[in-house]
Amino acid sequence: MVKNNVMKLVLITALVISMIGIGSAIAYPPLNDGVCEPDVWIYADPGYLQPDNDADIAINSLVGSYWRGYDGRLALLHLNGNSQMEVSIAEPTACLYVQFASDRNDGMASIYVDGELIWEGNTWAPNALGKPLDMQQMRYLKVTGLEPTAHTIKILTGEQGHVTIYQFGYDRCTSEEIPEFPTVALPIVAIIGLTFIFQRRKEE
């Protein structure tokens, strides 16, 4: 009887831990409507006049085909394979931003922070082509809860459409206290263990 209870508790513990792991693996940050307001930012177009805000952020590389909007925008084009760009932030931060300015030409994008995929989705918008910035669909991604250190951001085009980025930015902030996996899992295991002990005492 006791052995059966032990096996049941082991299976329940494994199931709870695996469910927590799966939930944390697929939790992408939301794509927000509007224009972000980071503490420090730069335009995505490296050739555009950048703001004088002591930004410790720089565009490292542009690979593939791209289009310049001459208003700060830069579109990664999906023509002869995937295009990509990488941005580095040297100042320690825990909060990053990517601002999109989208229309009907835009499509799938993948965003990596420090080599880890943190968002993948469609940046398409119903807005007409060839319009000025104020007639684009403005949406942004805010990534929080990172280790307060230097970071890199990499954006890749997907299987269809282009990806138009307007700004990159970051906040001068500390990491939010989000419980990590061991912090969440260990109390659950402890509760299950205590339940088993009390159950065994009852049977004795």
N, C-alpha and C. Protein backbone atom coordinates (compact mmCIF):
# COMPACT_ATOMS: atom_id res chain seq x y z
N MET A 1 0.84 -1.21 0.00
CA MET A 1 0.00 0.00 0.00
C MET A 1 0.87 1.26 0.00
N VAL A 2 1.87 1.25 0.90
CA VAL A 2 2.77 2.40 1.02
C VAL A 2 3.55 2.57 -0.27
N LYS A 3 4.01 1.44 -0.85
CA LYS A 3 4.77 1.50 -2.11
C LYS A 3 3.93 2.10 -3.23
N ASN A 4 2.65 1.73 -3.28
CA ASN A 4 1.76 2.27 -4.30
C ASN A 4 1.60 3.79 -4.16
N ASN A 5 1.49 4.23 -2.88
CA ASN A 5 1.36 5.67 -2.63
C ASN A 5 2.62 6.42 -3.06
N VAL A 6 3.77 5.81 -2.78
CA VAL A 6 5.04 6.44 -3.17
C VAL A 6 5.10 6.59 -4.68
N MET A 7 4.73 5.54 -5.41
CA MET A 7 4.76 5.59 -6.87
C MET A 7 3.81 6.65 -7.40
N LYS A 8 2.62 6.75 -6.80
CA LYS A 8 1.66 7.76 -7.23
C LYS A 8 2.22 9.16 -7.03
N LEU A 9 2.84 9.40 -5.87
CA LEU A 9 3.39 10.72 -5.57
C LEU A 9 4.53 11.08 -6.51
N VAL A 10 5.37 10.10 -6.84
CA VAL A 10 6.47 10.33 -7.78
C VAL A 10 5.93 10.72 -9.14
N LEU A 11 4.90 10.00 -9.60
CA LEU A 11 4.31 10.31 -10.90
C LEU A 11 3.66 11.69 -10.92
N ILE A 12 2.96 12.05 -9.83
CA ILE A 12 2.32 13.37 -9.75
C ILE A 12 3.38 14.47 -9.77
N THR A 13 4.46 14.26 -9.01
CA THR A 13 5.54 15.26 -8.97
C THR A 13 6.15 15.46 -10.34
N ALA A 14 6.42 14.35 -11.04
CA ALA A 14 7.01 14.44 -12.38
C ALA A 14 6.09 15.17 -13.34
N LEU A 15 4.77 14.90 -13.22
CA LEU A 15 3.80 15.54 -14.10
C LEU A 15 3.75 17.05 -13.84
N VAL A 16 3.72 17.45 -12.57
CA VAL A 16 3.67 18.88 -12.22
C VAL A 16 4.91 19.60 -12.73
N ILE A 17 6.09 19.00 -12.53
CA ILE A 17 7.34 19.62 -12.96
C ILE A 17 7.38 19.76 -14.47
N SER A 18 6.94 18.71 -15.18
CA SER A 18 6.97 18.78 -16.65
C SER A 18 6.00 19.83 -17.17
N MET A 19 4.82 19.98 -16.52
CA MET A 19 3.85 20.99 -16.94
C MET A 19 4.39 22.40 -16.72
N ILE A 20 5.08 22.63 -15.62
CA ILE A 20 5.68 23.95 -15.37
C ILE A 20 6.74 24.24 -16.42
N GLY A 21 7.55 23.23 -16.74
CA GLY A 21 8.60 23.41 -17.74
C GLY A 21 8.04 23.74 -19.10
N ILE A 22 6.96 23.04 -19.50
CA ILE A 22 6.35 23.29 -20.80
C ILE A 22 5.75 24.68 -20.84
N GLY A 23 5.07 25.10 -19.78
CA GLY A 23 4.44 26.42 -19.75
C GLY A 23 5.44 27.53 -19.88
N SER A 24 6.61 27.42 -19.23
CA SER A 24 7.61 28.47 -19.30
C SER A 24 8.29 28.50 -20.64
N ALA A 25 8.32 27.35 -21.35
CA ALA A 25 9.03 27.29 -22.63
C ALA A 25 8.28 27.99 -23.75
N ILE A 26 6.94 28.09 -23.66
CA ILE A 26 6.17 28.63 -24.77
C ILE A 26 5.58 30.01 -24.47
N ALA A 27 5.98 30.62 -23.36
CA ALA A 27 5.40 31.91 -22.97
C ALA A 27 6.15 33.05 -23.65
N TYR A 28 5.70 33.43 -24.86
CA TYR A 28 6.28 34.57 -25.56
C TYR A 28 5.69 35.86 -24.99
N PRO A 29 6.49 36.95 -24.95
CA PRO A 29 5.91 38.24 -24.56
C PRO A 29 4.92 38.71 -25.62
N PRO A 30 3.92 39.50 -25.24
CA PRO A 30 2.90 39.94 -26.21
C PRO A 30 3.43 41.04 -27.14
N LEU A 31 2.81 41.14 -28.31
CA LEU A 31 3.09 42.24 -29.24
C LEU A 31 2.08 43.34 -28.93
N ASN A 32 2.57 44.50 -28.47
CA ASN A 32 1.71 45.57 -27.99
C ASN A 32 1.46 46.62 -29.08
N ASP A 33 0.26 47.15 -29.11
CA ASP A 33 -0.06 48.24 -30.03
C ASP A 33 0.54 49.55 -29.52
N GLY A 34 0.92 50.43 -30.46
CA GLY A 34 1.41 51.75 -30.08
C GLY A 34 2.92 51.89 -30.25
N VAL A 35 3.44 52.97 -29.69
CA VAL A 35 4.86 53.29 -29.78
C VAL A 35 5.48 53.15 -28.40
N CYS A 36 6.56 52.40 -28.31
CA CYS A 36 7.23 52.19 -27.02
C CYS A 36 8.00 53.45 -26.60
N GLU A 37 8.27 53.55 -25.31
CA GLU A 37 9.02 54.70 -24.78
C GLU A 37 10.15 54.21 -23.87
N PRO A 38 11.17 53.61 -24.46
CA PRO A 38 12.29 53.15 -23.64
C PRO A 38 13.14 54.32 -23.15
N ASP A 39 13.93 54.07 -22.11
CA ASP A 39 14.83 55.11 -21.60
C ASP A 39 15.87 55.51 -22.65
N VAL A 40 16.38 54.51 -23.36
CA VAL A 40 17.43 54.73 -24.35
C VAL A 40 17.04 53.99 -25.63
N TRP A 41 17.24 54.62 -26.79
CA TRP A 41 16.84 53.96 -28.04
C TRP A 41 17.67 54.48 -29.21
N ILE A 42 17.64 53.71 -30.30
CA ILE A 42 18.23 54.12 -31.57
C ILE A 42 17.28 53.72 -32.70
N TYR A 43 17.44 54.38 -33.85
CA TYR A 43 16.69 53.97 -35.03
C TYR A 43 17.26 52.68 -35.60
N ALA A 44 16.40 51.90 -36.24
CA ALA A 44 16.86 50.64 -36.83
C ALA A 44 17.75 50.88 -38.06
N ASP A 45 17.55 52.00 -38.74
CA ASP A 45 18.36 52.34 -39.91
C ASP A 45 19.68 52.94 -39.44
N PRO A 46 20.80 52.22 -39.62
CA PRO A 46 22.09 52.74 -39.12
C PRO A 46 22.55 53.99 -39.86
N GLY A 47 22.00 54.24 -41.04
CA GLY A 47 22.39 55.42 -41.80
C GLY A 47 21.60 56.67 -41.46
N TYR A 48 20.58 56.54 -40.62
CA TYR A 48 19.76 57.68 -40.25
C TYR A 48 20.37 58.40 -39.06
N LEU A 49 20.14 59.71 -38.97
CA LEU A 49 20.71 60.49 -37.86
C LEU A 49 20.17 59.97 -36.53
N GLN A 50 21.08 59.46 -35.69
CA GLN A 50 20.66 58.85 -34.44
C GLN A 50 20.47 59.89 -33.34
N PRO A 51 19.59 59.61 -32.35
CA PRO A 51 19.36 60.56 -31.27
C PRO A 51 20.59 60.71 -30.38
N ASP A 52 20.74 61.88 -29.80
CA ASP A 52 21.87 62.14 -28.90
C ASP A 52 21.43 61.83 -27.47
N ASN A 53 21.37 60.54 -27.15
CA ASN A 53 20.89 60.16 -25.82
C ASN A 53 21.86 59.24 -25.09
N ASP A 54 23.14 59.33 -25.45
CA ASP A 54 24.18 58.49 -24.81
C ASP A 54 23.82 57.01 -24.88
N ALA A 55 23.30 56.59 -26.01
CA ALA A 55 22.88 55.20 -26.17
C ALA A 55 24.07 54.27 -26.22
N ASP A 56 24.09 53.31 -25.30
CA ASP A 56 25.13 52.29 -25.31
C ASP A 56 24.60 51.07 -26.06
N ILE A 57 24.13 51.32 -27.28
CA ILE A 57 23.49 50.31 -28.09
C ILE A 57 23.92 50.54 -29.53
N ALA A 58 24.21 49.47 -30.25
CA ALA A 58 24.74 49.62 -31.61
C ALA A 58 24.29 48.47 -32.49
N ILE A 59 24.15 48.76 -33.78
CA ILE A 59 23.81 47.73 -34.76
C ILE A 59 25.11 47.06 -35.20
N ASN A 60 25.22 45.77 -34.93
CA ASN A 60 26.45 45.02 -35.23
C ASN A 60 26.52 44.57 -36.68
N SER A 61 25.41 44.07 -37.20
CA SER A 61 25.46 43.48 -38.53
C SER A 61 24.11 43.51 -39.22
N LEU A 62 24.16 43.59 -40.55
CA LEU A 62 23.00 43.48 -41.43
C LEU A 62 23.35 42.46 -42.49
N VAL A 63 22.58 41.38 -42.56
CA VAL A 63 22.87 40.31 -43.51
C VAL A 63 21.67 40.11 -44.42
N GLY A 64 21.92 40.06 -45.72
CA GLY A 64 20.84 39.85 -46.68
C GLY A 64 20.39 41.16 -47.31
N SER A 65 19.15 41.19 -47.76
CA SER A 65 18.61 42.37 -48.44
C SER A 65 17.80 43.21 -47.46
N TYR A 66 17.85 44.53 -47.64
CA TYR A 66 17.08 45.42 -46.78
C TYR A 66 16.69 46.69 -47.51
N TRP A 67 15.68 47.38 -46.97
CA TRP A 67 15.16 48.63 -47.53
C TRP A 67 15.20 49.68 -46.44
N ARG A 68 15.62 50.91 -46.82
CA ARG A 68 15.68 52.02 -45.87
C ARG A 68 14.51 52.96 -46.12
N GLY A 69 13.81 53.33 -45.04
CA GLY A 69 12.66 54.21 -45.18
C GLY A 69 12.99 55.69 -45.14
N TYR A 70 14.25 56.04 -44.82
CA TYR A 70 14.69 57.43 -44.71
C TYR A 70 13.90 58.23 -43.67
N ASP A 71 13.38 57.52 -42.68
CA ASP A 71 12.74 58.16 -41.53
C ASP A 71 13.06 57.37 -40.26
N GLY A 72 14.10 56.55 -40.34
CA GLY A 72 14.50 55.72 -39.21
C GLY A 72 14.15 54.26 -39.37
N ARG A 73 13.18 53.97 -40.26
CA ARG A 73 12.77 52.58 -40.49
C ARG A 73 13.81 51.82 -41.31
N LEU A 74 13.84 50.52 -41.08
CA LEU A 74 14.63 49.62 -41.91
C LEU A 74 13.85 48.32 -42.05
N ALA A 75 13.66 47.87 -43.29
CA ALA A 75 12.93 46.62 -43.54
C ALA A 75 13.90 45.53 -43.95
N LEU A 76 13.86 44.42 -43.24
CA LEU A 76 14.59 43.23 -43.64
C LEU A 76 13.74 42.52 -44.69
N LEU A 77 14.30 42.30 -45.86
CA LEU A 77 13.53 41.78 -46.98
C LEU A 77 13.71 40.27 -47.13
N HIS A 78 12.61 39.60 -47.37
CA HIS A 78 12.67 38.17 -47.63
C HIS A 78 12.67 37.98 -49.16
N LEU A 79 13.87 37.98 -49.73
CA LEU A 79 13.99 37.86 -51.18
C LEU A 79 14.73 36.57 -51.53
N ASN A 80 16.04 36.58 -51.39
CA ASN A 80 16.85 35.39 -51.70
C ASN A 80 17.25 34.69 -50.40
N GLY A 81 16.25 34.27 -49.64
CA GLY A 81 16.54 33.65 -48.35
C GLY A 81 16.31 34.63 -47.23
N ASN A 82 16.58 34.21 -46.01
CA ASN A 82 16.33 35.03 -44.83
C ASN A 82 17.33 36.17 -44.72
N SER A 83 16.83 37.34 -44.29
CA SER A 83 17.69 38.46 -43.93
C SER A 83 17.67 38.59 -42.41
N GLN A 84 18.70 39.21 -41.87
CA GLN A 84 18.77 39.34 -40.42
C GLN A 84 19.61 40.54 -40.02
N MET A 85 19.40 40.98 -38.79
CA MET A 85 20.24 42.03 -38.21
C MET A 85 20.48 41.73 -36.75
N GLU A 86 21.60 42.21 -36.26
CA GLU A 86 21.95 41.98 -34.85
C GLU A 86 22.31 43.31 -34.19
N VAL A 87 21.82 43.49 -32.98
CA VAL A 87 22.05 44.70 -32.20
C VAL A 87 22.65 44.31 -30.86
N SER A 88 23.62 45.07 -30.40
CA SER A 88 24.23 44.79 -29.10
C SER A 88 23.97 45.95 -28.14
N ILE A 89 23.72 45.61 -26.88
CA ILE A 89 23.51 46.59 -25.82
C ILE A 89 24.58 46.34 -24.77
N ALA A 90 25.49 47.30 -24.60
CA ALA A 90 26.61 47.11 -23.69
C ALA A 90 26.26 47.46 -22.25
N GLU A 91 25.33 48.39 -22.06
CA GLU A 91 24.93 48.78 -20.71
C GLU A 91 24.07 47.69 -20.08
N PRO A 92 24.36 47.29 -18.85
CA PRO A 92 23.52 46.26 -18.20
C PRO A 92 22.07 46.70 -18.13
N THR A 93 21.19 45.83 -18.58
CA THR A 93 19.76 46.12 -18.56
C THR A 93 18.98 44.82 -18.48
N ALA A 94 17.74 44.91 -18.01
CA ALA A 94 16.87 43.74 -17.94
C ALA A 94 15.63 43.91 -18.80
N CYS A 95 15.50 45.06 -19.48
CA CYS A 95 14.28 45.37 -20.24
C CYS A 95 14.65 45.85 -21.64
N LEU A 96 14.23 45.10 -22.65
CA LEU A 96 14.54 45.43 -24.04
C LEU A 96 13.28 45.70 -24.83
N TYR A 97 13.41 46.50 -25.90
CA TYR A 97 12.28 46.84 -26.76
C TYR A 97 12.65 46.68 -28.24
N VAL A 98 11.68 46.23 -29.02
CA VAL A 98 11.79 46.25 -30.48
C VAL A 98 10.50 46.86 -31.01
N GLN A 99 10.64 47.97 -31.76
CA GLN A 99 9.48 48.67 -32.30
C GLN A 99 9.32 48.35 -33.78
N PHE A 100 8.15 47.83 -34.16
CA PHE A 100 7.84 47.53 -35.56
C PHE A 100 6.99 48.65 -36.16
N ALA A 101 7.09 48.82 -37.47
CA ALA A 101 6.23 49.74 -38.23
C ALA A 101 5.80 48.98 -39.48
N SER A 102 4.62 48.39 -39.45
CA SER A 102 4.26 47.35 -40.43
C SER A 102 3.18 47.79 -41.41
N ASP A 103 3.18 47.10 -42.57
CA ASP A 103 2.11 47.24 -43.56
C ASP A 103 1.88 45.88 -44.22
N ARG A 104 1.24 45.89 -45.39
CA ARG A 104 0.87 44.62 -46.04
C ARG A 104 2.07 43.85 -46.58
N ASN A 105 3.21 44.46 -46.65
CA ASN A 105 4.41 43.76 -47.12
C ASN A 105 5.06 42.90 -46.05
N ASP A 106 4.68 43.13 -44.81
CA ASP A 106 5.39 42.49 -43.71
C ASP A 106 4.82 41.12 -43.37
N GLY A 107 5.64 40.33 -42.68
CA GLY A 107 5.25 38.96 -42.38
C GLY A 107 5.95 38.41 -41.16
N MET A 108 6.37 37.16 -41.25
CA MET A 108 6.89 36.42 -40.10
C MET A 108 8.28 36.92 -39.67
N ALA A 109 8.48 36.92 -38.36
CA ALA A 109 9.76 37.33 -37.78
C ALA A 109 10.11 36.43 -36.60
N SER A 110 11.39 36.24 -36.39
CA SER A 110 11.89 35.53 -35.21
C SER A 110 12.88 36.46 -34.50
N ILE A 111 12.74 36.56 -33.17
CA ILE A 111 13.61 37.43 -32.39
C ILE A 111 14.34 36.60 -31.34
N TYR A 112 15.64 36.77 -31.31
CA TYR A 112 16.49 36.07 -30.35
C TYR A 112 17.16 37.09 -29.43
N VAL A 113 17.25 36.75 -28.16
CA VAL A 113 18.01 37.54 -27.20
C VAL A 113 19.09 36.64 -26.62
N ASP A 114 20.34 37.05 -26.81
CA ASP A 114 21.48 36.25 -26.35
C ASP A 114 21.44 34.82 -26.90
N GLY A 115 20.99 34.69 -28.15
CA GLY A 115 20.96 33.39 -28.80
C GLY A 115 19.75 32.54 -28.50
N GLU A 116 18.85 33.02 -27.66
CA GLU A 116 17.66 32.24 -27.29
C GLU A 116 16.41 32.84 -27.95
N LEU A 117 15.62 32.01 -28.59
CA LEU A 117 14.39 32.47 -29.22
C LEU A 117 13.41 32.95 -28.16
N ILE A 118 13.01 34.23 -28.24
CA ILE A 118 12.08 34.76 -27.24
C ILE A 118 10.75 35.19 -27.85
N TRP A 119 10.69 35.29 -29.18
CA TRP A 119 9.42 35.63 -29.83
C TRP A 119 9.45 35.22 -31.29
N GLU A 120 8.31 34.72 -31.76
CA GLU A 120 8.16 34.35 -33.16
C GLU A 120 6.71 34.62 -33.53
N GLY A 121 6.50 35.38 -34.60
CA GLY A 121 5.13 35.69 -34.95
C GLY A 121 5.02 36.49 -36.23
N ASN A 122 3.80 36.91 -36.52
CA ASN A 122 3.49 37.61 -37.77
C ASN A 122 3.40 39.11 -37.52
N THR A 123 4.16 39.89 -38.28
CA THR A 123 4.14 41.35 -38.14
C THR A 123 3.29 42.00 -39.22
N TRP A 124 2.55 41.21 -40.01
CA TRP A 124 1.71 41.75 -41.07
C TRP A 124 0.66 42.72 -40.52
N ALA A 125 0.34 43.74 -41.32
CA ALA A 125 -0.72 44.69 -40.97
C ALA A 125 -1.48 45.06 -42.24
N PRO A 126 -2.74 45.47 -42.13
CA PRO A 126 -3.54 45.76 -43.32
C PRO A 126 -3.24 47.11 -43.97
N ASN A 127 -2.31 47.87 -43.43
CA ASN A 127 -2.02 49.21 -43.93
C ASN A 127 -1.47 49.18 -45.35
N ALA A 128 -1.81 50.23 -46.12
CA ALA A 128 -1.39 50.31 -47.53
C ALA A 128 0.12 50.49 -47.64
N LEU A 129 0.66 50.09 -48.79
CA LEU A 129 2.10 50.18 -49.03
C LEU A 129 2.51 51.60 -49.40
N GLY A 130 3.80 51.89 -49.17
CA GLY A 130 4.37 53.15 -49.60
C GLY A 130 3.89 54.37 -48.85
N LYS A 131 3.38 54.20 -47.65
CA LYS A 131 2.86 55.30 -46.86
C LYS A 131 3.89 55.79 -45.84
N PRO A 132 3.76 57.04 -45.37
CA PRO A 132 4.70 57.56 -44.36
C PRO A 132 4.56 56.83 -43.04
N LEU A 133 5.48 57.13 -42.15
CA LEU A 133 5.56 56.44 -40.87
C LEU A 133 4.27 56.54 -40.06
N ASP A 134 3.63 57.71 -40.07
CA ASP A 134 2.43 57.88 -39.24
C ASP A 134 1.22 57.12 -39.78
N MET A 135 1.39 56.45 -40.94
CA MET A 135 0.29 55.64 -41.49
C MET A 135 0.64 54.16 -41.47
N GLN A 136 1.66 53.80 -40.70
CA GLN A 136 2.04 52.40 -40.51
C GLN A 136 1.39 51.86 -39.24
N GLN A 137 1.31 50.55 -39.13
CA GLN A 137 0.82 49.89 -37.91
C GLN A 137 1.98 49.81 -36.93
N MET A 138 1.91 50.60 -35.85
CA MET A 138 2.99 50.66 -34.87
C MET A 138 2.70 49.67 -33.74
N ARG A 139 3.61 48.72 -33.59
CA ARG A 139 3.51 47.73 -32.52
C ARG A 139 4.91 47.46 -31.98
N TYR A 140 4.98 47.07 -30.72
CA TYR A 140 6.30 46.85 -30.14
C TYR A 140 6.30 45.62 -29.23
N LEU A 141 7.50 45.09 -29.08
CA LEU A 141 7.75 43.95 -28.22
C LEU A 141 8.58 44.43 -27.03
N LYS A 142 8.14 44.11 -25.83
CA LYS A 142 8.90 44.45 -24.62
C LYS A 142 9.31 43.16 -23.93
N VAL A 143 10.60 42.99 -23.75
CA VAL A 143 11.14 41.78 -23.12
C VAL A 143 11.67 42.15 -21.75
N THR A 144 11.08 41.60 -20.71
CA THR A 144 11.49 41.91 -19.34
C THR A 144 11.96 40.64 -18.63
N GLY A 145 12.44 40.82 -17.40
CA GLY A 145 12.85 39.68 -16.59
C GLY A 145 14.18 39.08 -16.99
N LEU A 146 14.98 39.81 -17.78
CA LEU A 146 16.30 39.32 -18.18
C LEU A 146 17.31 39.55 -17.06
N GLU A 147 18.42 38.85 -17.15
CA GLU A 147 19.52 39.13 -16.23
C GLU A 147 20.03 40.54 -16.50
N PRO A 148 20.27 41.35 -15.46
CA PRO A 148 20.74 42.73 -15.68
C PRO A 148 22.20 42.75 -16.13
N THR A 149 22.39 42.52 -17.41
CA THR A 149 23.73 42.47 -17.98
C THR A 149 23.66 42.95 -19.43
N ALA A 150 24.77 42.87 -20.16
CA ALA A 150 24.77 43.23 -21.57
C ALA A 150 24.02 42.15 -22.37
N HIS A 151 23.42 42.56 -23.50
CA HIS A 151 22.61 41.63 -24.29
C HIS A 151 22.80 41.88 -25.78
N THR A 152 22.43 40.87 -26.56
CA THR A 152 22.35 41.02 -28.01
C THR A 152 20.93 40.66 -28.46
N ILE A 153 20.46 41.37 -29.48
CA ILE A 153 19.16 41.10 -30.09
C ILE A 153 19.39 40.74 -31.55
N LYS A 154 18.81 39.65 -31.99
CA LYS A 154 18.91 39.26 -33.40
C LYS A 154 17.50 39.07 -33.95
N ILE A 155 17.25 39.66 -35.13
CA ILE A 155 15.95 39.53 -35.80
C ILE A 155 16.16 38.87 -37.15
N LEU A 156 15.34 37.87 -37.44
CA LEU A 156 15.39 37.16 -38.72
C LEU A 156 14.03 37.22 -39.39
N THR A 157 14.03 37.34 -40.71
CA THR A 157 12.79 37.20 -41.46
C THR A 157 12.37 35.74 -41.46
N GLY A 158 11.07 35.52 -41.66
CA GLY A 158 10.54 34.17 -41.68
C GLY A 158 10.34 33.65 -43.09
N GLU A 159 9.38 32.74 -43.25
CA GLU A 159 9.16 32.10 -44.54
C GLU A 159 8.42 33.00 -45.52
N GLN A 160 7.77 34.05 -45.03
CA GLN A 160 7.03 34.93 -45.93
C GLN A 160 7.04 36.36 -45.40
N GLY A 161 7.06 37.32 -46.32
CA GLY A 161 6.97 38.73 -45.94
C GLY A 161 8.27 39.31 -45.43
N HIS A 162 8.27 40.63 -45.34
CA HIS A 162 9.42 41.35 -44.81
C HIS A 162 9.19 41.66 -43.33
N VAL A 163 10.18 42.28 -42.69
CA VAL A 163 10.05 42.70 -41.30
C VAL A 163 10.60 44.12 -41.20
N THR A 164 9.72 45.07 -40.86
CA THR A 164 10.12 46.47 -40.78
C THR A 164 10.26 46.89 -39.32
N ILE A 165 11.48 47.29 -38.96
CA ILE A 165 11.78 47.72 -37.60
C ILE A 165 12.02 49.23 -37.60
N TYR A 166 11.49 49.89 -36.59
CA TYR A 166 11.66 51.34 -36.47
C TYR A 166 12.71 51.70 -35.42
N GLN A 167 12.65 51.06 -34.27
CA GLN A 167 13.56 51.38 -33.18
C GLN A 167 13.95 50.14 -32.39
N PHE A 168 15.11 50.23 -31.76
CA PHE A 168 15.54 49.31 -30.70
C PHE A 168 15.77 50.15 -29.45
N GLY A 169 15.47 49.59 -28.28
CA GLY A 169 15.71 50.36 -27.07
C GLY A 169 15.82 49.48 -25.84
N TYR A 170 16.12 50.14 -24.72
CA TYR A 170 16.20 49.44 -23.44
C TYR A 170 15.93 50.41 -22.31
N ASP A 171 15.51 49.86 -21.18
CA ASP A 171 15.29 50.64 -19.96
C ASP A 171 16.47 50.46 -19.03
N ARG A 172 16.78 51.52 -18.32
CA ARG A 172 17.78 51.42 -17.26
C ARG A 172 17.06 50.92 -16.01
N CYS A 173 16.91 49.60 -15.93
CA CYS A 173 16.13 49.02 -14.84
C CYS A 173 16.80 47.74 -14.36
N THR A 174 16.29 47.23 -13.25
CA THR A 174 16.78 45.96 -12.72
C THR A 174 15.80 44.87 -13.08
N SER A 175 16.26 43.63 -12.96
CA SER A 175 15.43 42.48 -13.32
C SER A 175 14.22 42.38 -12.40
N GLU A 176 13.05 42.13 -12.98
CA GLU A 176 11.86 41.88 -12.18
C GLU A 176 12.00 40.54 -11.47
N GLU A 177 11.45 40.46 -10.28
CA GLU A 177 11.59 39.25 -9.49
C GLU A 177 10.57 38.22 -9.93
N ILE A 178 10.85 37.58 -11.05
CA ILE A 178 9.99 36.52 -11.56
C ILE A 178 10.51 35.18 -11.05
N PRO A 179 9.71 34.39 -10.38
CA PRO A 179 10.19 33.10 -9.86
C PRO A 179 10.70 32.21 -10.98
N GLU A 180 11.90 31.68 -10.81
CA GLU A 180 12.44 30.76 -11.79
C GLU A 180 11.90 29.36 -11.51
N PHE A 181 12.16 28.45 -12.41
CA PHE A 181 11.60 27.10 -12.33
C PHE A 181 11.87 26.42 -10.99
N PRO A 182 13.13 26.36 -10.47
CA PRO A 182 13.37 25.69 -9.19
C PRO A 182 12.58 26.33 -8.06
N THR A 183 12.43 27.67 -8.08
CA THR A 183 11.72 28.37 -7.02
C THR A 183 10.26 27.96 -6.97
N VAL A 184 9.67 27.72 -8.14
CA VAL A 184 8.27 27.31 -8.20
C VAL A 184 8.12 25.82 -7.89
N ALA A 185 9.02 25.00 -8.41
CA ALA A 185 8.87 23.55 -8.31
C ALA A 185 9.14 23.02 -6.91
N LEU A 186 10.15 23.56 -6.22
CA LEU A 186 10.54 23.01 -4.92
C LEU A 186 9.43 23.09 -3.87
N PRO A 187 8.71 24.22 -3.74
CA PRO A 187 7.60 24.21 -2.78
C PRO A 187 6.53 23.18 -3.09
N ILE A 188 6.27 22.94 -4.37
CA ILE A 188 5.28 21.94 -4.76
C ILE A 188 5.73 20.55 -4.32
N VAL A 189 7.00 20.26 -4.56
CA VAL A 189 7.55 18.96 -4.15
C VAL A 189 7.48 18.82 -2.63
N ALA A 190 7.77 19.91 -1.90
CA ALA A 190 7.73 19.87 -0.44
C ALA A 190 6.32 19.57 0.06
N ILE A 191 5.33 20.21 -0.56
CA ILE A 191 3.93 19.99 -0.15
C ILE A 191 3.52 18.53 -0.39
N ILE A 192 3.91 17.98 -1.55
CA ILE A 192 3.58 16.58 -1.85
C ILE A 192 4.26 15.65 -0.85
N GLY A 193 5.51 15.97 -0.48
CA GLY A 193 6.22 15.16 0.49
C GLY A 193 5.56 15.16 1.85
N LEU A 194 5.13 16.34 2.30
CA LEU A 194 4.44 16.44 3.59
C LEU A 194 3.13 15.67 3.57
N THR A 195 2.40 15.76 2.45
CA THR A 195 1.14 15.01 2.32
C THR A 195 1.39 13.52 2.47
N PHE A 196 2.48 13.03 1.86
CA PHE A 196 2.82 11.62 1.95
C PHE A 196 3.13 11.21 3.38
N ILE A 197 3.88 12.08 4.10
CA ILE A 197 4.26 11.76 5.48
C ILE A 197 3.02 11.65 6.36
N PHE A 198 2.11 12.64 6.24
CA PHE A 198 0.90 12.61 7.06
C PHE A 198 0.01 11.42 6.71
N GLN A 199 -0.05 11.07 5.43
CA GLN A 199 -0.85 9.93 5.00
C GLN A 199 -0.29 8.64 5.60
N ARG A 200 1.03 8.53 5.61
CA ARG A 200 1.66 7.32 6.14
C ARG A 200 1.41 7.19 7.64
N ARG A 201 1.47 8.31 8.36
CA ARG A 201 1.21 8.28 9.81
C ARG A 201 -0.23 7.84 10.09
N LYS A 202 -1.14 8.29 9.22
CA LYS A 202 -2.54 7.90 9.39
C LYS A 202 -2.70 6.39 9.27
N GLU A 203 -2.01 5.80 8.28
CA GLU A 203 -2.14 4.37 8.03
C GLU A 203 -1.49 3.56 9.13
N GLU A 204 -0.48 4.12 9.80
CA GLU A 204 0.16 3.40 10.91
C GLU A 204 -0.72 3.46 12.15
